[in-house]
Amino acid sequence: MWKTEGSSSLGNWIDSNVWAMPDLVQVDPVALLPTQAGCAVFLGNGEKSIVFYIEPAIGASINDALSDRQPPRPLTHDLFNDALKAFGAVVQRVVIVRVENDVFYARLFIEAENEINEKLIVELDARPSDSIALAVRQQAPLYVVQEVWEGLKDMTSVLEELRDKGMELEGGE
């Protein structure tokens, strides 16, 4: 957890060095595909796409946010998003930091500022699915650590093949 004051030299150093992290690849959700076991999430950067699998309800939540659909009552991600807003906090970014045994791990960065302009940035361990569901609600950027990105198989051809077969892909492009 980082806590910096808005005008401190430490805060300026952190903002210009730590948060820039040049070893990150920015990605966007390019497709969501319902599967028998859940939902396939394709993330891409225009040159490469990766895929991982999530629970169907979270896939639906991400798709609803990408499609600007509001449920009749707030779902879990909507509720958490509303709570963040109520406290003046925003999702700063999401970073997928590692993959172990096909399990993806992410860090969720939340930023808030109090009434005397103290900036607080909180870094939380979070599932990528929940992190993406929150990030798309706030148009926050998604990243993958470059070393992790380079170690993952490019699934662009699989995605294109599914599109060519006429599979209905939700969200993204």
C-alpha atoms as a PDB file:
ATOM      1  CA  MET A   1       0.000   0.000   0.000  1.00  0.00           C
ATOM      2  CA  TRP A   2       1.362   3.400  -1.016  1.00  0.00           C
ATOM      3  CA  LYS A   3       0.382   6.552   0.706  1.00  0.00           C
ATOM      4  CA  THR A   4       1.760   9.764  -0.702  1.00  0.00           C
ATOM      5  CA  GLU A   5       0.897  13.388  -0.293  1.00  0.00           C
ATOM      6  CA  GLY A   6      -0.062  15.134  -3.511  1.00  0.00           C
ATOM      7  CA  SER A   7       2.850  17.598  -3.614  1.00  0.00           C
ATOM      8  CA  SER A   8       5.637  15.627  -1.922  1.00  0.00           C
ATOM      9  CA  SER A   9       8.830  14.808  -3.755  1.00  0.00           C
ATOM     10  CA  LEU A  10       8.338  11.141  -2.791  1.00  0.00           C
ATOM     11  CA  GLY A  11       4.865  11.242  -4.325  1.00  0.00           C
ATOM     12  CA  ASN A  12       6.227  12.764  -7.537  1.00  0.00           C
ATOM     13  CA  TRP A  13       8.978  10.121  -7.708  1.00  0.00           C
ATOM     14  CA  ILE A  14       6.464   7.304  -7.215  1.00  0.00           C
ATOM     15  CA  ASP A  15       4.095   8.760  -9.820  1.00  0.00           C
ATOM     16  CA  SER A  16       6.846   9.108 -12.416  1.00  0.00           C
ATOM     17  CA  ASN A  17       8.771   5.886 -11.732  1.00  0.00           C
ATOM     18  CA  VAL A  18       6.839   3.154  -9.958  1.00  0.00           C
ATOM     19  CA  TRP A  19       3.476   3.637 -11.635  1.00  0.00           C
ATOM     20  CA  ALA A  20       4.966   3.968 -15.128  1.00  0.00           C
ATOM     21  CA  MET A  21       6.418   0.419 -15.051  1.00  0.00           C
ATOM     22  CA  PRO A  22       7.639   0.115 -18.641  1.00  0.00           C
ATOM     23  CA  ASP A  23       7.586  -3.690 -18.422  1.00  0.00           C
ATOM     24  CA  LEU A  24       3.798  -3.813 -18.810  1.00  0.00           C
ATOM     25  CA  VAL A  25       1.737  -4.604 -21.900  1.00  0.00           C
ATOM     26  CA  GLN A  26      -1.592  -2.771 -22.114  1.00  0.00           C
ATOM     27  CA  VAL A  27      -4.475  -5.016 -23.176  1.00  0.00           C
ATOM     28  CA  ASP A  28      -8.204  -4.769 -23.773  1.00  0.00           C
ATOM     29  CA  PRO A  29     -10.977  -7.347 -23.594  1.00  0.00           C
ATOM     30  CA  VAL A  30     -11.400  -8.398 -27.223  1.00  0.00           C
ATOM     31  CA  ALA A  31     -13.952 -11.188 -26.765  1.00  0.00           C
ATOM     32  CA  LEU A  32     -15.940 -13.154 -24.224  1.00  0.00           C
ATOM     33  CA  LEU A  33     -17.062 -16.629 -25.247  1.00  0.00           C
ATOM     34  CA  PRO A  34     -19.425 -18.800 -23.195  1.00  0.00           C
ATOM     35  CA  THR A  35     -18.052 -22.332 -22.796  1.00  0.00           C
ATOM     36  CA  GLN A  36     -19.407 -25.502 -21.190  1.00  0.00           C
ATOM     37  CA  ALA A  37     -17.358 -24.842 -18.055  1.00  0.00           C
ATOM     38  CA  GLY A  38     -17.644 -21.047 -17.836  1.00  0.00           C
ATOM     39  CA  CYS A  39     -16.505 -18.175 -19.982  1.00  0.00           C
ATOM     40  CA  ALA A  40     -13.374 -17.685 -22.071  1.00  0.00           C
ATOM     41  CA  VAL A  41     -11.925 -14.182 -21.789  1.00  0.00           C
ATOM     42  CA  PHE A  42      -9.703 -13.042 -24.642  1.00  0.00           C
ATOM     43  CA  LEU A  43      -7.407 -10.107 -23.872  1.00  0.00           C
ATOM     44  CA  GLY A  44      -5.348  -8.544 -26.637  1.00  0.00           C
ATOM     45  CA  ASN A  45      -3.083  -5.678 -27.604  1.00  0.00           C
ATOM     46  CA  GLY A  46      -3.688  -5.619 -31.365  1.00  0.00           C
ATOM     47  CA  GLU A  47      -0.764  -7.947 -32.065  1.00  0.00           C
ATOM     48  CA  LYS A  48      -1.468 -10.880 -29.764  1.00  0.00           C
ATOM     49  CA  SER A  49      -4.409 -12.300 -27.838  1.00  0.00           C
ATOM     50  CA  ILE A  50      -4.393 -14.484 -24.727  1.00  0.00           C
ATOM     51  CA  VAL A  51      -7.223 -16.432 -23.151  1.00  0.00           C
ATOM     52  CA  PHE A  52      -8.194 -17.554 -19.681  1.00  0.00           C
ATOM     53  CA  TYR A  53     -11.378 -18.972 -18.217  1.00  0.00           C
ATOM     54  CA  ILE A  54     -13.701 -17.494 -15.612  1.00  0.00           C
ATOM     55  CA  GLU A  55     -17.049 -18.203 -13.967  1.00  0.00           C
ATOM     56  CA  PRO A  56     -20.070 -17.633 -16.233  1.00  0.00           C
ATOM     57  CA  ALA A  57     -21.658 -15.067 -13.875  1.00  0.00           C
ATOM     58  CA  ILE A  58     -18.524 -12.906 -13.907  1.00  0.00           C
ATOM     59  CA  GLY A  59     -18.325 -13.213 -17.681  1.00  0.00           C
ATOM     60  CA  ALA A  60     -21.915 -11.964 -17.867  1.00  0.00           C
ATOM     61  CA  SER A  61     -21.045  -9.114 -15.495  1.00  0.00           C
ATOM     62  CA  ILE A  62     -18.096  -8.046 -17.682  1.00  0.00           C
ATOM     63  CA  ASN A  63     -20.207  -8.297 -20.824  1.00  0.00           C
ATOM     64  CA  ASP A  64     -22.998  -6.216 -19.280  1.00  0.00           C
ATOM     65  CA  ALA A  65     -20.509  -3.481 -18.367  1.00  0.00           C
ATOM     66  CA  LEU A  66     -18.928  -3.536 -21.833  1.00  0.00           C
ATOM     67  CA  SER A  67     -22.402  -3.336 -23.388  1.00  0.00           C
ATOM     68  CA  ASP A  68     -23.578  -0.539 -21.044  1.00  0.00           C
ATOM     69  CA  ARG A  69     -26.411  -2.758 -19.769  1.00  0.00           C
ATOM     70  CA  GLN A  70     -27.647  -2.062 -16.240  1.00  0.00           C
ATOM     71  CA  PRO A  71     -29.177  -4.920 -14.248  1.00  0.00           C
ATOM     72  CA  PRO A  72     -32.490  -4.156 -12.541  1.00  0.00           C
ATOM     73  CA  ARG A  73     -30.700  -4.432  -9.165  1.00  0.00           C
ATOM     74  CA  PRO A  74     -26.962  -3.916  -8.482  1.00  0.00           C
ATOM     75  CA  LEU A  75     -24.887  -7.063  -8.753  1.00  0.00           C
ATOM     76  CA  THR A  76     -21.736  -7.616  -6.687  1.00  0.00           C
ATOM     77  CA  HIS A  77     -19.400  -5.741  -9.053  1.00  0.00           C
ATOM     78  CA  ASP A  78     -21.886  -2.888  -9.397  1.00  0.00           C
ATOM     79  CA  LEU A  79     -22.189  -2.659  -5.615  1.00  0.00           C
ATOM     80  CA  PHE A  80     -18.414  -2.584  -5.097  1.00  0.00           C
ATOM     81  CA  ASN A  81     -18.058  -0.013  -7.877  1.00  0.00           C
ATOM     82  CA  ASP A  82     -20.748   2.144  -6.262  1.00  0.00           C
ATOM     83  CA  ALA A  83     -18.981   1.839  -2.876  1.00  0.00           C
ATOM     84  CA  LEU A  84     -15.683   2.967  -4.429  1.00  0.00           C
ATOM     85  CA  LYS A  85     -17.409   5.970  -5.988  1.00  0.00           C
ATOM     86  CA  ALA A  86     -19.130   6.841  -2.695  1.00  0.00           C
ATOM     87  CA  PHE A  87     -15.717   7.078  -1.031  1.00  0.00           C
ATOM     88  CA  GLY A  88     -14.218   9.037  -3.910  1.00  0.00           C
ATOM     89  CA  ALA A  89     -12.028   6.134  -4.984  1.00  0.00           C
ATOM     90  CA  VAL A  90     -11.316   4.924  -8.505  1.00  0.00           C
ATOM     91  CA  VAL A  91      -9.778   1.859 -10.050  1.00  0.00           C
ATOM     92  CA  GLN A  92      -6.432   3.161 -11.236  1.00  0.00           C
ATOM     93  CA  ARG A  93      -5.417   0.015 -13.122  1.00  0.00           C
ATOM     94  CA  VAL A  94      -5.341  -3.769 -13.145  1.00  0.00           C
ATOM     95  CA  VAL A  95      -2.143  -5.747 -13.659  1.00  0.00           C
ATOM     96  CA  ILE A  96      -2.029  -9.487 -14.357  1.00  0.00           C
ATOM     97  CA  VAL A  97       1.189 -10.368 -12.574  1.00  0.00           C
ATOM     98  CA  ARG A  98       1.674 -14.099 -12.963  1.00  0.00           C
ATOM     99  CA  VAL A  99       0.279 -17.426 -14.125  1.00  0.00           C
ATOM    100  CA  GLU A 100       0.827 -20.651 -12.207  1.00  0.00           C
ATOM    101  CA  ASN A 101      -0.685 -23.959 -13.317  1.00  0.00           C
ATOM    102  CA  ASP A 102      -3.121 -22.116 -15.613  1.00  0.00           C
ATOM    103  CA  VAL A 103      -4.291 -19.908 -12.714  1.00  0.00           C
ATOM    104  CA  PHE A 104      -3.962 -16.170 -13.415  1.00  0.00           C
ATOM    105  CA  TYR A 105      -3.128 -13.707 -10.616  1.00  0.00           C
ATOM    106  CA  ALA A 106      -3.777  -9.977 -10.685  1.00  0.00           C
ATOM    107  CA  ARG A 107      -3.229  -6.830  -8.657  1.00  0.00           C
ATOM    108  CA  LEU A 108      -5.977  -4.229  -8.416  1.00  0.00           C
ATOM    109  CA  PHE A 109      -4.803  -0.637  -7.842  1.00  0.00           C
ATOM    110  CA  ILE A 110      -7.337   1.679  -6.223  1.00  0.00           C
ATOM    111  CA  GLU A 111      -6.695   5.395  -5.804  1.00  0.00           C
ATOM    112  CA  ALA A 112      -8.421   7.785  -3.425  1.00  0.00           C
ATOM    113  CA  GLU A 113      -7.778  11.307  -2.280  1.00  0.00           C
ATOM    114  CA  ASN A 114      -8.981  12.741   1.015  1.00  0.00           C
ATOM    115  CA  GLU A 115     -10.229  16.222   1.844  1.00  0.00           C
ATOM    116  CA  ILE A 116      -6.684  17.566   2.427  1.00  0.00           C
ATOM    117  CA  ASN A 117      -5.418  16.232  -0.901  1.00  0.00           C
ATOM    118  CA  GLU A 118      -3.568  13.236   0.506  1.00  0.00           C
ATOM    119  CA  LYS A 119      -3.444  10.599  -2.191  1.00  0.00           C
ATOM    120  CA  LEU A 120      -3.751   6.978  -1.159  1.00  0.00           C
ATOM    121  CA  ILE A 121      -3.061   4.165  -3.588  1.00  0.00           C
ATOM    122  CA  VAL A 122      -3.990   0.705  -2.418  1.00  0.00           C
ATOM    123  CA  GLU A 123      -2.719  -2.402  -4.186  1.00  0.00           C
ATOM    124  CA  LEU A 124      -4.856  -5.497  -3.636  1.00  0.00           C
ATOM    125  CA  ASP A 125      -4.445  -9.141  -4.570  1.00  0.00           C
ATOM    126  CA  ALA A 126      -7.480  -9.944  -6.723  1.00  0.00           C
ATOM    127  CA  ARG A 127      -8.749 -12.424  -9.252  1.00  0.00           C
ATOM    128  CA  PRO A 128      -8.331 -11.131 -12.810  1.00  0.00           C
ATOM    129  CA  SER A 129     -12.023 -11.768 -13.472  1.00  0.00           C
ATOM    130  CA  ASP A 130     -13.192  -9.525 -10.620  1.00  0.00           C
ATOM    131  CA  SER A 131     -10.533  -6.943 -11.442  1.00  0.00           C
ATOM    132  CA  ILE A 132     -11.598  -6.782 -15.091  1.00  0.00           C
ATOM    133  CA  ALA A 133     -15.270  -6.530 -14.077  1.00  0.00           C
ATOM    134  CA  LEU A 134     -14.421  -3.443 -12.002  1.00  0.00           C
ATOM    135  CA  ALA A 135     -11.970  -1.948 -14.506  1.00  0.00           C
ATOM    136  CA  VAL A 136     -14.425  -2.028 -17.412  1.00  0.00           C
ATOM    137  CA  ARG A 137     -17.013  -0.246 -15.267  1.00  0.00           C
ATOM    138  CA  GLN A 138     -14.567   2.627 -14.738  1.00  0.00           C
ATOM    139  CA  GLN A 139     -12.724   2.476 -18.068  1.00  0.00           C
ATOM    140  CA  ALA A 140      -9.494   1.736 -16.155  1.00  0.00           C
ATOM    141  CA  PRO A 141      -6.549   0.297 -18.079  1.00  0.00           C
ATOM    142  CA  LEU A 142      -5.635  -3.390 -18.021  1.00  0.00           C
ATOM    143  CA  TYR A 143      -2.035  -4.580 -18.164  1.00  0.00           C
ATOM    144  CA  VAL A 144      -0.077  -7.832 -18.215  1.00  0.00           C
ATOM    145  CA  VAL A 145       3.497  -7.996 -16.941  1.00  0.00           C
ATOM    146  CA  GLN A 146       5.588  -8.256 -20.102  1.00  0.00           C
ATOM    147  CA  GLU A 147       7.455 -11.382 -18.978  1.00  0.00           C
ATOM    148  CA  VAL A 148       4.115 -13.092 -18.292  1.00  0.00           C
ATOM    149  CA  TRP A 149       2.702 -11.833 -21.621  1.00  0.00           C
ATOM    150  CA  GLU A 150       5.673 -13.222 -23.545  1.00  0.00           C
ATOM    151  CA  GLY A 151       5.278 -16.617 -21.873  1.00  0.00           C
ATOM    152  CA  LEU A 152       1.621 -17.005 -22.867  1.00  0.00           C
ATOM    153  CA  LYS A 153       0.535 -18.607 -26.117  1.00  0.00           C
ATOM    154  CA  ASP A 154      -0.866 -16.283 -28.783  1.00  0.00           C
ATOM    155  CA  MET A 155      -4.505 -17.266 -29.270  1.00  0.00           C
ATOM    156  CA  THR A 156      -5.275 -14.771 -32.047  1.00  0.00           C
ATOM    157  CA  SER A 157      -5.629 -17.508 -34.674  1.00  0.00           C
ATOM    158  CA  VAL A 158      -8.062 -19.433 -32.443  1.00  0.00           C
ATOM    159  CA  LEU A 159     -10.114 -16.275 -31.922  1.00  0.00           C
ATOM    160  CA  GLU A 160     -10.152 -15.536 -35.672  1.00  0.00           C
ATOM    161  CA  GLU A 161     -11.167 -19.140 -36.405  1.00  0.00           C
ATOM    162  CA  LEU A 162     -14.071 -18.859 -33.956  1.00  0.00           C
ATOM    163  CA  ARG A 163     -15.155 -15.598 -35.598  1.00  0.00           C
ATOM    164  CA  ASP A 164     -14.907 -17.185 -39.056  1.00  0.00           C
ATOM    165  CA  LYS A 165     -17.144 -20.042 -37.887  1.00  0.00           C
ATOM    166  CA  GLY A 166     -19.731 -17.466 -36.906  1.00  0.00           C
ATOM    167  CA  MET A 167     -19.444 -17.963 -33.157  1.00  0.00           C
ATOM    168  CA  GLU A 168     -21.188 -15.135 -31.357  1.00  0.00           C
ATOM    169  CA  LEU A 169     -18.499 -13.422 -29.309  1.00  0.00           C
ATOM    170  CA  GLU A 170     -19.627 -10.973 -26.685  1.00  0.00           C
ATOM    171  CA  GLY A 171     -17.921  -7.782 -25.555  1.00  0.00           C
ATOM    172  CA  GLY A 172     -14.733  -6.252 -26.897  1.00  0.00           C
ATOM    173  CA  GLU A 173     -14.499  -5.552 -30.631  1.00  0.00           C
END
